[in-house]
Amino acid sequence: MNEATIRLHIESLEEGGYLATSPDVPGLVAEGRSVTEAVEIAQALTRKLVESCLEHGDPLPPALEI
């Protein structure tokens, strides 16, 4: 599988943990106990999104076009 680079915005949550969102992947929201975990979850969700778009013939977000 090809790889793409996306920008992630990571913020610390008041109740603990971290939230990752991306201006490159609309709707991407990943929460983890650490920055590393939030990034890993964001990566996995992005892969699933690409797989779903390809499977259903939906357009990919421009940043993810392969």
PDB file of N, CA and C in Angstrom:
ATOM      1  N   MET A   1       0.847  -1.169   0.000  1.00  0.00           N
ATOM      2  CA  MET A   1       0.000   0.000   0.000  1.00  0.00           C
ATOM      3  C   MET A   1       0.897   1.238   0.000  1.00  0.00           C
ATOM      4  N   ASN A   2       0.552   2.223  -0.840  1.00  0.00           N
ATOM      5  CA  ASN A   2       1.277   3.488  -0.857  1.00  0.00           C
ATOM      6  C   ASN A   2       0.999   4.253   0.425  1.00  0.00           C
ATOM      7  N   GLU A   3       1.896   5.166   0.733  1.00  0.00           N
ATOM      8  CA  GLU A   3       1.720   5.966   1.931  1.00  0.00           C
ATOM      9  C   GLU A   3       1.580   7.426   1.562  1.00  0.00           C
ATOM     10  N   ALA A   4       0.825   8.141   2.355  1.00  0.00           N
ATOM     11  CA  ALA A   4       0.650   9.581   2.184  1.00  0.00           C
ATOM     12  C   ALA A   4       0.961  10.255   3.505  1.00  0.00           C
ATOM     13  N   THR A   5       1.401  11.477   3.415  1.00  0.00           N
ATOM     14  CA  THR A   5       1.660  12.257   4.609  1.00  0.00           C
ATOM     15  C   THR A   5       0.491  13.206   4.831  1.00  0.00           C
ATOM     16  N   ILE A   6      -0.050  13.184   6.036  1.00  0.00           N
ATOM     17  CA  ILE A   6      -1.128  14.112   6.377  1.00  0.00           C
ATOM     18  C   ILE A   6      -0.709  14.918   7.599  1.00  0.00           C
ATOM     19  N   ARG A   7      -1.280  16.086   7.702  1.00  0.00           N
ATOM     20  CA  ARG A   7      -1.016  16.925   8.871  1.00  0.00           C
ATOM     21  C   ARG A   7      -1.977  16.503   9.986  1.00  0.00           C
ATOM     22  N   LEU A   8      -1.447  16.440  11.199  1.00  0.00           N
ATOM     23  CA  LEU A   8      -2.274  16.156  12.367  1.00  0.00           C
ATOM     24  C   LEU A   8      -2.169  17.312  13.344  1.00  0.00           C
ATOM     25  N   HIS A   9      -3.287  17.635  13.929  1.00  0.00           N
ATOM     26  CA  HIS A   9      -3.322  18.621  15.014  1.00  0.00           C
ATOM     27  C   HIS A   9      -3.564  17.824  16.288  1.00  0.00           C
ATOM     28  N   ILE A  10      -2.623  17.910  17.228  1.00  0.00           N
ATOM     29  CA  ILE A  10      -2.726  17.164  18.486  1.00  0.00           C
ATOM     30  C   ILE A  10      -2.974  18.165  19.608  1.00  0.00           C
ATOM     31  N   GLU A  11      -3.978  17.871  20.420  1.00  0.00           N
ATOM     32  CA  GLU A  11      -4.218  18.729  21.577  1.00  0.00           C
ATOM     33  C   GLU A  11      -4.406  17.878  22.828  1.00  0.00           C
ATOM     34  N   SER A  12      -3.967  18.439  23.923  1.00  0.00           N
ATOM     35  CA  SER A  12      -4.099  17.789  25.218  1.00  0.00           C
ATOM     36  C   SER A  12      -5.519  18.016  25.729  1.00  0.00           C
ATOM     37  N   LEU A  13      -6.129  16.976  26.250  1.00  0.00           N
ATOM     38  CA  LEU A  13      -7.480  17.080  26.785  1.00  0.00           C
ATOM     39  C   LEU A  13      -7.441  17.333  28.285  1.00  0.00           C
ATOM     40  N   GLU A  14      -8.366  18.161  28.767  1.00  0.00           N
ATOM     41  CA  GLU A  14      -8.406  18.482  30.200  1.00  0.00           C
ATOM     42  C   GLU A  14      -8.545  17.238  31.068  1.00  0.00           C
ATOM     43  N   GLU A  15      -9.353  16.297  30.613  1.00  0.00           N
ATOM     44  CA  GLU A  15      -9.598  15.091  31.404  1.00  0.00           C
ATOM     45  C   GLU A  15      -8.495  14.045  31.244  1.00  0.00           C
ATOM     46  N   GLY A  16      -7.467  14.396  30.476  1.00  0.00           N
ATOM     47  CA  GLY A  16      -6.358  13.480  30.234  1.00  0.00           C
ATOM     48  C   GLY A  16      -6.430  12.908  28.839  1.00  0.00           C
ATOM     49  N   GLY A  17      -5.312  12.568  28.305  1.00  0.00           N
ATOM     50  CA  GLY A  17      -5.250  12.011  26.968  1.00  0.00           C
ATOM     51  C   GLY A  17      -5.050  13.102  25.928  1.00  0.00           C
ATOM     52  N   TYR A  18      -5.076  12.665  24.674  1.00  0.00           N
ATOM     53  CA  TYR A  18      -4.804  13.560  23.560  1.00  0.00           C
ATOM     54  C   TYR A  18      -5.790  13.321  22.437  1.00  0.00           C
ATOM     55  N   LEU A  19      -6.093  14.384  21.714  1.00  0.00           N
ATOM     56  CA  LEU A  19      -7.024  14.334  20.598  1.00  0.00           C
ATOM     57  C   LEU A  19      -6.269  14.706  19.334  1.00  0.00           C
ATOM     58  N   ALA A  20      -6.402  13.878  18.299  1.00  0.00           N
ATOM     59  CA  ALA A  20      -5.769  14.141  17.006  1.00  0.00           C
ATOM     60  C   ALA A  20      -6.864  14.381  15.963  1.00  0.00           C
ATOM     61  N   THR A  21      -6.739  15.486  15.240  1.00  0.00           N
ATOM     62  CA  THR A  21      -7.618  15.785  14.112  1.00  0.00           C
ATOM     63  C   THR A  21      -6.722  16.173  12.940  1.00  0.00           C
ATOM     64  N   SER A  22      -7.306  16.225  11.738  1.00  0.00           N
ATOM     65  CA  SER A  22      -6.507  16.557  10.570  1.00  0.00           C
ATOM     66  C   SER A  22      -7.271  17.451   9.610  1.00  0.00           C
ATOM     67  N   PRO A  23      -6.645  18.557   9.180  1.00  0.00           N
ATOM     68  CA  PRO A  23      -7.274  19.371   8.148  1.00  0.00           C
ATOM     69  C   PRO A  23      -7.262  18.670   6.793  1.00  0.00           C
ATOM     70  N   ASP A  24      -6.441  17.633   6.657  1.00  0.00           N
ATOM     71  CA  ASP A  24      -6.331  16.892   5.396  1.00  0.00           C
ATOM     72  C   ASP A  24      -7.344  15.764   5.262  1.00  0.00           C
ATOM     73  N   VAL A  25      -7.906  15.335   6.379  1.00  0.00           N
ATOM     74  CA  VAL A  25      -8.865  14.220   6.377  1.00  0.00           C
ATOM     75  C   VAL A  25     -10.106  14.675   7.141  1.00  0.00           C
ATOM     76  N   PRO A  26     -11.062  15.258   6.433  1.00  0.00           N
ATOM     77  CA  PRO A  26     -12.273  15.752   7.100  1.00  0.00           C
ATOM     78  C   PRO A  26     -12.945  14.662   7.936  1.00  0.00           C
ATOM     79  N   GLY A  27     -13.297  15.007   9.155  1.00  0.00           N
ATOM     80  CA  GLY A  27     -13.988  14.066  10.031  1.00  0.00           C
ATOM     81  C   GLY A  27     -13.084  13.167  10.844  1.00  0.00           C
ATOM     82  N   LEU A  28     -11.775  13.216  10.611  1.00  0.00           N
ATOM     83  CA  LEU A  28     -10.861  12.366  11.377  1.00  0.00           C
ATOM     84  C   LEU A  28     -10.739  12.894  12.797  1.00  0.00           C
ATOM     85  N   VAL A  29     -11.096  12.050  13.748  1.00  0.00           N
ATOM     86  CA  VAL A  29     -10.969  12.379  15.170  1.00  0.00           C
ATOM     87  C   VAL A  29     -10.466  11.118  15.865  1.00  0.00           C
ATOM     88  N   ALA A  30      -9.293  11.224  16.479  1.00  0.00           N
ATOM     89  CA  ALA A  30      -8.714  10.069  17.161  1.00  0.00           C
ATOM     90  C   ALA A  30      -8.281  10.500  18.557  1.00  0.00           C
ATOM     91  N   GLU A  31      -8.637   9.709  19.539  1.00  0.00           N
ATOM     92  CA  GLU A  31      -8.275  10.015  20.919  1.00  0.00           C
ATOM     93  C   GLU A  31      -7.418   8.886  21.475  1.00  0.00           C
ATOM     94  N   GLY A  32      -6.337   9.263  22.173  1.00  0.00           N
ATOM     95  CA  GLY A  32      -5.462   8.269  22.773  1.00  0.00           C
ATOM     96  C   GLY A  32      -4.973   8.721  24.128  1.00  0.00           C
ATOM     97  N   ARG A  33      -4.435   7.772  24.884  1.00  0.00           N
ATOM     98  CA  ARG A  33      -3.901   8.085  26.216  1.00  0.00           C
ATOM     99  C   ARG A  33      -2.584   8.840  26.126  1.00  0.00           C
ATOM    100  N   SER A  34      -1.881   8.676  25.007  1.00  0.00           N
ATOM    101  CA  SER A  34      -0.615   9.377  24.787  1.00  0.00           C
ATOM    102  C   SER A  34      -0.632   9.955  23.372  1.00  0.00           C
ATOM    103  N   VAL A  35       0.323  10.839  23.096  1.00  0.00           N
ATOM    104  CA  VAL A  35       0.422  11.386  21.736  1.00  0.00           C
ATOM    105  C   VAL A  35       0.657  10.249  20.749  1.00  0.00           C
ATOM    106  N   THR A  36       1.533   9.335  21.100  1.00  0.00           N
ATOM    107  CA  THR A  36       1.846   8.206  20.222  1.00  0.00           C
ATOM    108  C   THR A  36       0.600   7.390  19.922  1.00  0.00           C
ATOM    109  N   GLU A  37      -0.179   7.094  20.942  1.00  0.00           N
ATOM    110  CA  GLU A  37      -1.392   6.304  20.743  1.00  0.00           C
ATOM    111  C   GLU A  37      -2.398   7.062  19.868  1.00  0.00           C
ATOM    112  N   ALA A  38      -2.556   8.357  20.087  1.00  0.00           N
ATOM    113  CA  ALA A  38      -3.478   9.146  19.269  1.00  0.00           C
ATOM    114  C   ALA A  38      -3.045   9.139  17.805  1.00  0.00           C
ATOM    115  N   VAL A  39      -1.746   9.257  17.549  1.00  0.00           N
ATOM    116  CA  VAL A  39      -1.227   9.225  16.178  1.00  0.00           C
ATOM    117  C   VAL A  39      -1.452   7.851  15.555  1.00  0.00           C
ATOM    118  N   GLU A  40      -1.185   6.795  16.294  1.00  0.00           N
ATOM    119  CA  GLU A  40      -1.381   5.438  15.768  1.00  0.00           C
ATOM    120  C   GLU A  40      -2.848   5.187  15.430  1.00  0.00           C
ATOM    121  N   ILE A  41      -3.751   5.645  16.273  1.00  0.00           N
ATOM    122  CA  ILE A  41      -5.185   5.485  16.010  1.00  0.00           C
ATOM    123  C   ILE A  41      -5.577   6.295  14.784  1.00  0.00           C
ATOM    124  N   ALA A  42      -5.056   7.511  14.653  1.00  0.00           N
ATOM    125  CA  ALA A  42      -5.338   8.349  13.484  1.00  0.00           C
ATOM    126  C   ALA A  42      -4.847   7.664  12.208  1.00  0.00           C
ATOM    127  N   GLN A  43      -3.674   7.054  12.260  1.00  0.00           N
ATOM    128  CA  GLN A  43      -3.145   6.335  11.097  1.00  0.00           C
ATOM    129  C   GLN A  43      -4.058   5.171  10.714  1.00  0.00           C
ATOM    130  N   ALA A  44      -4.479   4.396  11.704  1.00  0.00           N
ATOM    131  CA  ALA A  44      -5.341   3.244  11.437  1.00  0.00           C
ATOM    132  C   ALA A  44      -6.693   3.690  10.866  1.00  0.00           C
ATOM    133  N   LEU A  45      -7.260   4.757  11.423  1.00  0.00           N
ATOM    134  CA  LEU A  45      -8.538   5.264  10.918  1.00  0.00           C
ATOM    135  C   LEU A  45      -8.404   5.777   9.489  1.00  0.00           C
ATOM    136  N   THR A  46      -7.296   6.436   9.203  1.00  0.00           N
ATOM    137  CA  THR A  46      -7.073   6.940   7.850  1.00  0.00           C
ATOM    138  C   THR A  46      -6.959   5.780   6.861  1.00  0.00           C
ATOM    139  N   ARG A  47      -6.253   4.726   7.236  1.00  0.00           N
ATOM    140  CA  ARG A  47      -6.162   3.538   6.361  1.00  0.00           C
ATOM    141  C   ARG A  47      -7.545   2.952   6.093  1.00  0.00           C
ATOM    142  N   LYS A  48      -8.367   2.844   7.150  1.00  0.00           N
ATOM    143  CA  LYS A  48      -9.726   2.313   7.002  1.00  0.00           C
ATOM    144  C   LYS A  48     -10.559   3.203   6.084  1.00  0.00           C
ATOM    145  N   LEU A  49     -10.398   4.516   6.215  1.00  0.00           N
ATOM    146  CA  LEU A  49     -11.126   5.445   5.366  1.00  0.00           C
ATOM    147  C   LEU A  49     -10.752   5.239   3.899  1.00  0.00           C
ATOM    148  N   VAL A  50      -9.463   5.110   3.615  1.00  0.00           N
ATOM    149  CA  VAL A  50      -9.004   4.883   2.246  1.00  0.00           C
ATOM    150  C   VAL A  50      -9.572   3.574   1.713  1.00  0.00           C
ATOM    151  N   GLU A  51      -9.492   2.518   2.508  1.00  0.00           N
ATOM    152  CA  GLU A  51     -10.022   1.218   2.085  1.00  0.00           C
ATOM    153  C   GLU A  51     -11.517   1.318   1.769  1.00  0.00           C
ATOM    154  N   SER A  52     -12.269   2.004   2.619  1.00  0.00           N
ATOM    155  CA  SER A  52     -13.707   2.158   2.415  1.00  0.00           C
ATOM    156  C   SER A  52     -14.006   2.946   1.147  1.00  0.00           C
ATOM    157  N   CYS A  53     -13.286   4.043   0.940  1.00  0.00           N
ATOM    158  CA  CYS A  53     -13.497   4.848  -0.271  1.00  0.00           C
ATOM    159  C   CYS A  53     -13.216   4.027  -1.526  1.00  0.00           C
ATOM    160  N   LEU A  54     -12.111   3.286  -1.515  1.00  0.00           N
ATOM    161  CA  LEU A  54     -11.760   2.474  -2.680  1.00  0.00           C
ATOM    162  C   LEU A  54     -12.785   1.365  -2.914  1.00  0.00           C
ATOM    163  N   GLU A  55     -13.232   0.745  -1.850  1.00  0.00           N
ATOM    164  CA  GLU A  55     -14.206  -0.347  -1.957  1.00  0.00           C
ATOM    165  C   GLU A  55     -15.551   0.131  -2.499  1.00  0.00           C
ATOM    166  N   HIS A  56     -15.957   1.329  -2.092  1.00  0.00           N
ATOM    167  CA  HIS A  56     -17.277   1.830  -2.472  1.00  0.00           C
ATOM    168  C   HIS A  56     -17.258   2.809  -3.641  1.00  0.00           C
ATOM    169  N   GLY A  57     -16.075   3.088  -4.175  1.00  0.00           N
ATOM    170  CA  GLY A  57     -15.968   4.003  -5.294  1.00  0.00           C
ATOM    171  C   GLY A  57     -16.158   5.456  -4.928  1.00  0.00           C
ATOM    172  N   ASP A  58     -15.992   5.769  -3.655  1.00  0.00           N
ATOM    173  CA  ASP A  58     -16.114   7.157  -3.201  1.00  0.00           C
ATOM    174  C   ASP A  58     -14.809   7.896  -3.434  1.00  0.00           C
ATOM    175  N   PRO A  59     -14.877   9.214  -3.630  1.00  0.00           N
ATOM    176  CA  PRO A  59     -13.624   9.963  -3.827  1.00  0.00           C
ATOM    177  C   PRO A  59     -12.811  10.052  -2.541  1.00  0.00           C
ATOM    178  N   LEU A  60     -11.513  10.008  -2.700  1.00  0.00           N
ATOM    179  CA  LEU A  60     -10.617  10.174  -1.556  1.00  0.00           C
ATOM    180  C   LEU A  60     -10.434  11.658  -1.274  1.00  0.00           C
ATOM    181  N   PRO A  61     -10.182  12.019  -0.020  1.00  0.00           N
ATOM    182  CA  PRO A  61      -9.799  13.403   0.250  1.00  0.00           C
ATOM    183  C   PRO A  61      -8.547  13.713  -0.582  1.00  0.00           C
ATOM    184  N   PRO A  62      -8.408  14.904  -1.142  1.00  0.00           N
ATOM    185  CA  PRO A  62      -7.269  15.222  -2.009  1.00  0.00           C
ATOM    186  C   PRO A  62      -5.898  14.860  -1.425  1.00  0.00           C
ATOM    187  N   ALA A  63      -5.707  15.039  -0.136  1.00  0.00           N
ATOM    188  CA  ALA A  63      -4.405  14.728   0.486  1.00  0.00           C
ATOM    189  C   ALA A  63      -4.089  13.241   0.457  1.00  0.00           C
ATOM    190  N   LEU A  64      -5.106  12.400   0.235  1.00  0.00           N
ATOM    191  CA  LEU A  64      -4.916  10.948   0.269  1.00  0.00           C
ATOM    192  C   LEU A  64      -4.936  10.308  -1.110  1.00  0.00           C
ATOM    193  N   GLU A  65      -5.091  11.104  -2.146  1.00  0.00           N
ATOM    194  CA  GLU A  65      -5.114  10.526  -3.487  1.00  0.00           C
ATOM    195  C   GLU A  65      -3.773   9.890  -3.788  1.00  0.00           C
ATOM    196  N   ILE A  66      -3.837   8.655  -4.265  1.00  0.00           N
ATOM    197  CA  ILE A  66      -2.632   7.853  -4.485  1.00  0.00           C
ATOM    198  C   ILE A  66      -2.217   7.947  -5.945  1.00  0.00           C
TER     199      ILE A  66
END
